[in-house]
Each structure stands twice: as structure tokens, then as C-alpha cells.
Amino acid sequence: MNMRLLMLPVEKINKNIPVKGIVYDIGCGKGDLGFILSQRNPKRHIISLDTDHTKITMAQHYYKASNIK
């Protein structure tokens, strides 16, 4: 996990997004935040987007959850 993720207010973000439905993680990087939020509530469907194809490939490799695309 990187330092940026450690500084994010994950629990505050978690409380302020829908508990179910589609959530877009724009500029997802390696997908750390999207993965954590998907684990907090499996009824969320996280769609992660980034312009860096290498980071998307890394996210797909590291995080295999049925509610992340």
C-alpha cells in the first residue's frame, strides 16, 4: 500500500458514497482505494478508470474481486 493511500480518509469516503450500486474511481492508479471500498461493502460495484494502462494492468493483477471492473 502506498503513502498516498495511508493519508486518504478512507472511512470518511466510505461513509459518503452509496452502500450499493455503481461507484466510479476516476484516476484509480493501482486500484487500492477502489479495492478497499469494494471490500467495505460487496454490494458496491466499483468501476476503476485511469489513463495509465500499466496501472490498470497492475490493478487487475493485484485485486481480483467480483465487484470491481
N, C-alpha and C. Protein backbone atom coordinates (compact mmCIF):
# COMPACT_ATOMS: atom_id res chain seq x y z
N MET A 1 0.85 -1.16 0.00
CA MET A 1 0.00 0.00 0.00
C MET A 1 0.90 1.24 0.00
N ASN A 2 0.53 2.24 -0.76
CA ASN A 2 1.40 3.40 -0.85
C ASN A 2 1.03 4.49 0.17
N MET A 3 1.93 5.46 0.32
CA MET A 3 1.75 6.52 1.32
C MET A 3 0.50 7.35 1.04
N ARG A 4 0.20 7.59 -0.23
CA ARG A 4 -0.99 8.38 -0.58
C ARG A 4 -2.24 7.72 -0.01
N LEU A 5 -2.32 6.43 -0.13
CA LEU A 5 -3.49 5.72 0.37
C LEU A 5 -3.58 5.80 1.89
N LEU A 6 -2.45 5.75 2.57
CA LEU A 6 -2.45 5.85 4.03
C LEU A 6 -2.95 7.20 4.50
N MET A 7 -2.78 8.24 3.67
CA MET A 7 -3.21 9.58 4.05
C MET A 7 -4.67 9.85 3.70
N LEU A 8 -5.28 9.01 2.88
CA LEU A 8 -6.67 9.21 2.49
C LEU A 8 -7.62 8.92 3.65
N PRO A 9 -8.66 9.71 3.79
CA PRO A 9 -9.65 9.44 4.83
C PRO A 9 -10.64 8.35 4.36
N VAL A 10 -10.16 7.13 4.30
CA VAL A 10 -10.93 6.02 3.72
C VAL A 10 -12.29 5.87 4.39
N GLU A 11 -12.32 5.90 5.71
CA GLU A 11 -13.60 5.70 6.40
C GLU A 11 -14.58 6.84 6.12
N LYS A 12 -14.08 8.05 6.01
CA LYS A 12 -14.94 9.19 5.68
C LYS A 12 -15.49 9.03 4.26
N ILE A 13 -14.64 8.63 3.33
CA ILE A 13 -15.09 8.38 1.95
C ILE A 13 -16.12 7.26 1.95
N ASN A 14 -15.84 6.20 2.68
CA ASN A 14 -16.73 5.05 2.75
C ASN A 14 -18.12 5.45 3.24
N LYS A 15 -18.20 6.35 4.21
CA LYS A 15 -19.48 6.78 4.75
C LYS A 15 -20.26 7.68 3.80
N ASN A 16 -19.55 8.32 2.85
CA ASN A 16 -20.19 9.32 2.00
C ASN A 16 -20.45 8.86 0.57
N ILE A 17 -20.30 7.59 0.31
CA ILE A 17 -20.64 7.06 -1.02
C ILE A 17 -21.74 6.02 -0.84
N PRO A 18 -22.48 5.74 -1.90
CA PRO A 18 -23.59 4.77 -1.78
C PRO A 18 -23.11 3.40 -1.29
N VAL A 19 -23.95 2.74 -0.49
CA VAL A 19 -23.59 1.41 0.01
C VAL A 19 -23.84 0.33 -1.03
N LYS A 20 -24.61 0.65 -2.05
CA LYS A 20 -24.80 -0.30 -3.14
C LYS A 20 -24.94 0.48 -4.44
N GLY A 21 -24.76 -0.21 -5.53
CA GLY A 21 -24.81 0.44 -6.83
C GLY A 21 -23.41 0.65 -7.41
N ILE A 22 -23.33 1.48 -8.42
CA ILE A 22 -22.08 1.71 -9.13
C ILE A 22 -21.36 2.93 -8.55
N VAL A 23 -20.07 2.75 -8.30
CA VAL A 23 -19.20 3.84 -7.83
C VAL A 23 -18.02 3.90 -8.78
N TYR A 24 -17.74 5.08 -9.32
CA TYR A 24 -16.61 5.26 -10.23
C TYR A 24 -15.40 5.76 -9.45
N ASP A 25 -14.28 5.10 -9.66
CA ASP A 25 -13.00 5.53 -9.08
C ASP A 25 -12.17 6.07 -10.24
N ILE A 26 -12.26 7.38 -10.46
CA ILE A 26 -11.61 8.02 -11.61
C ILE A 26 -10.20 8.43 -11.20
N GLY A 27 -9.24 8.02 -12.01
CA GLY A 27 -7.84 8.24 -11.66
C GLY A 27 -7.40 7.25 -10.60
N CYS A 28 -7.79 5.99 -10.79
CA CYS A 28 -7.65 4.96 -9.76
C CYS A 28 -6.22 4.52 -9.50
N GLY A 29 -5.31 4.81 -10.41
CA GLY A 29 -3.94 4.32 -10.21
C GLY A 29 -3.92 2.81 -10.16
N LYS A 30 -3.30 2.25 -9.12
CA LYS A 30 -3.22 0.79 -8.99
C LYS A 30 -4.47 0.17 -8.39
N GLY A 31 -5.47 0.99 -8.06
CA GLY A 31 -6.75 0.46 -7.61
C GLY A 31 -6.90 0.20 -6.12
N ASP A 32 -5.97 0.70 -5.32
CA ASP A 32 -6.02 0.44 -3.87
C ASP A 32 -7.33 0.92 -3.23
N LEU A 33 -7.69 2.17 -3.48
CA LEU A 33 -8.89 2.72 -2.85
C LEU A 33 -10.15 1.99 -3.30
N GLY A 34 -10.28 1.75 -4.59
CA GLY A 34 -11.44 1.02 -5.10
C GLY A 34 -11.57 -0.35 -4.47
N PHE A 35 -10.45 -1.02 -4.29
CA PHE A 35 -10.48 -2.35 -3.68
C PHE A 35 -10.95 -2.26 -2.23
N ILE A 36 -10.40 -1.33 -1.48
CA ILE A 36 -10.80 -1.19 -0.07
C ILE A 36 -12.29 -0.88 0.03
N LEU A 37 -12.77 0.03 -0.80
CA LEU A 37 -14.19 0.39 -0.76
C LEU A 37 -15.08 -0.78 -1.18
N SER A 38 -14.61 -1.59 -2.12
CA SER A 38 -15.39 -2.76 -2.53
C SER A 38 -15.47 -3.79 -1.41
N GLN A 39 -14.41 -3.88 -0.62
CA GLN A 39 -14.40 -4.82 0.50
C GLN A 39 -15.25 -4.33 1.66
N ARG A 40 -15.38 -3.03 1.81
CA ARG A 40 -16.22 -2.48 2.89
C ARG A 40 -17.69 -2.82 2.66
N ASN A 41 -18.07 -2.92 1.38
CA ASN A 41 -19.44 -3.30 1.06
C ASN A 41 -19.50 -3.98 -0.30
N PRO A 42 -19.66 -5.31 -0.31
CA PRO A 42 -19.68 -6.07 -1.57
C PRO A 42 -20.86 -5.74 -2.50
N LYS A 43 -21.85 -4.97 -2.00
CA LYS A 43 -22.97 -4.58 -2.87
C LYS A 43 -22.59 -3.41 -3.78
N ARG A 44 -21.43 -2.82 -3.52
CA ARG A 44 -20.92 -1.76 -4.40
C ARG A 44 -20.25 -2.40 -5.61
N HIS A 45 -20.47 -1.80 -6.74
CA HIS A 45 -19.77 -2.21 -7.96
C HIS A 45 -18.84 -1.07 -8.33
N ILE A 46 -17.55 -1.30 -8.16
CA ILE A 46 -16.55 -0.27 -8.38
C ILE A 46 -16.08 -0.35 -9.84
N ILE A 47 -16.14 0.76 -10.54
CA ILE A 47 -15.60 0.85 -11.89
C ILE A 47 -14.41 1.80 -11.81
N SER A 48 -13.23 1.24 -12.01
CA SER A 48 -11.99 2.00 -11.87
C SER A 48 -11.49 2.44 -13.24
N LEU A 49 -11.14 3.73 -13.33
CA LEU A 49 -10.68 4.31 -14.60
C LEU A 49 -9.35 5.03 -14.39
N ASP A 50 -8.44 4.85 -15.33
CA ASP A 50 -7.18 5.57 -15.29
C ASP A 50 -6.64 5.65 -16.71
N THR A 51 -5.91 6.70 -17.02
CA THR A 51 -5.34 6.84 -18.36
C THR A 51 -4.05 6.04 -18.52
N ASP A 52 -3.46 5.58 -17.42
CA ASP A 52 -2.23 4.81 -17.46
C ASP A 52 -2.56 3.32 -17.53
N HIS A 53 -2.40 2.75 -18.71
CA HIS A 53 -2.75 1.34 -18.93
C HIS A 53 -1.93 0.41 -18.04
N THR A 54 -0.69 0.77 -17.75
CA THR A 54 0.16 -0.06 -16.89
C THR A 54 -0.44 -0.18 -15.50
N LYS A 55 -0.94 0.92 -14.97
CA LYS A 55 -1.54 0.88 -13.63
C LYS A 55 -2.83 0.07 -13.61
N ILE A 56 -3.60 0.16 -14.68
CA ILE A 56 -4.83 -0.65 -14.77
C ILE A 56 -4.47 -2.13 -14.79
N THR A 57 -3.44 -2.48 -15.55
CA THR A 57 -2.99 -3.88 -15.61
C THR A 57 -2.54 -4.35 -14.23
N MET A 58 -1.82 -3.50 -13.51
CA MET A 58 -1.39 -3.85 -12.15
C MET A 58 -2.60 -4.06 -11.24
N ALA A 59 -3.58 -3.17 -11.33
CA ALA A 59 -4.79 -3.29 -10.50
C ALA A 59 -5.52 -4.59 -10.79
N GLN A 60 -5.62 -4.94 -12.06
CA GLN A 60 -6.30 -6.19 -12.43
C GLN A 60 -5.55 -7.40 -11.89
N HIS A 61 -4.24 -7.30 -11.83
CA HIS A 61 -3.42 -8.41 -11.33
C HIS A 61 -3.54 -8.54 -9.80
N TYR A 62 -3.45 -7.41 -9.09
CA TYR A 62 -3.44 -7.43 -7.63
C TYR A 62 -4.80 -7.65 -7.00
N TYR A 63 -5.83 -7.07 -7.60
CA TYR A 63 -7.13 -7.07 -6.95
C TYR A 63 -8.16 -7.80 -7.82
N LYS A 64 -8.49 -8.98 -7.39
CA LYS A 64 -9.48 -9.78 -8.10
C LYS A 64 -10.71 -9.92 -7.21
N ALA A 65 -11.65 -9.03 -7.39
CA ALA A 65 -12.91 -9.09 -6.65
C ALA A 65 -14.03 -9.01 -7.67
N SER A 66 -15.10 -9.71 -7.41
CA SER A 66 -16.19 -9.78 -8.39
C SER A 66 -16.92 -8.45 -8.57
N ASN A 67 -16.77 -7.53 -7.64
CA ASN A 67 -17.49 -6.26 -7.76
C ASN A 67 -16.60 -5.11 -8.19
N ILE A 68 -15.44 -5.43 -8.79
CA ILE A 68 -14.54 -4.40 -9.34
C ILE A 68 -14.35 -4.65 -10.82
N LYS A 69 -14.47 -3.59 -11.61
CA LYS A 69 -14.25 -3.67 -13.06
C LYS A 69 -13.21 -2.66 -13.44
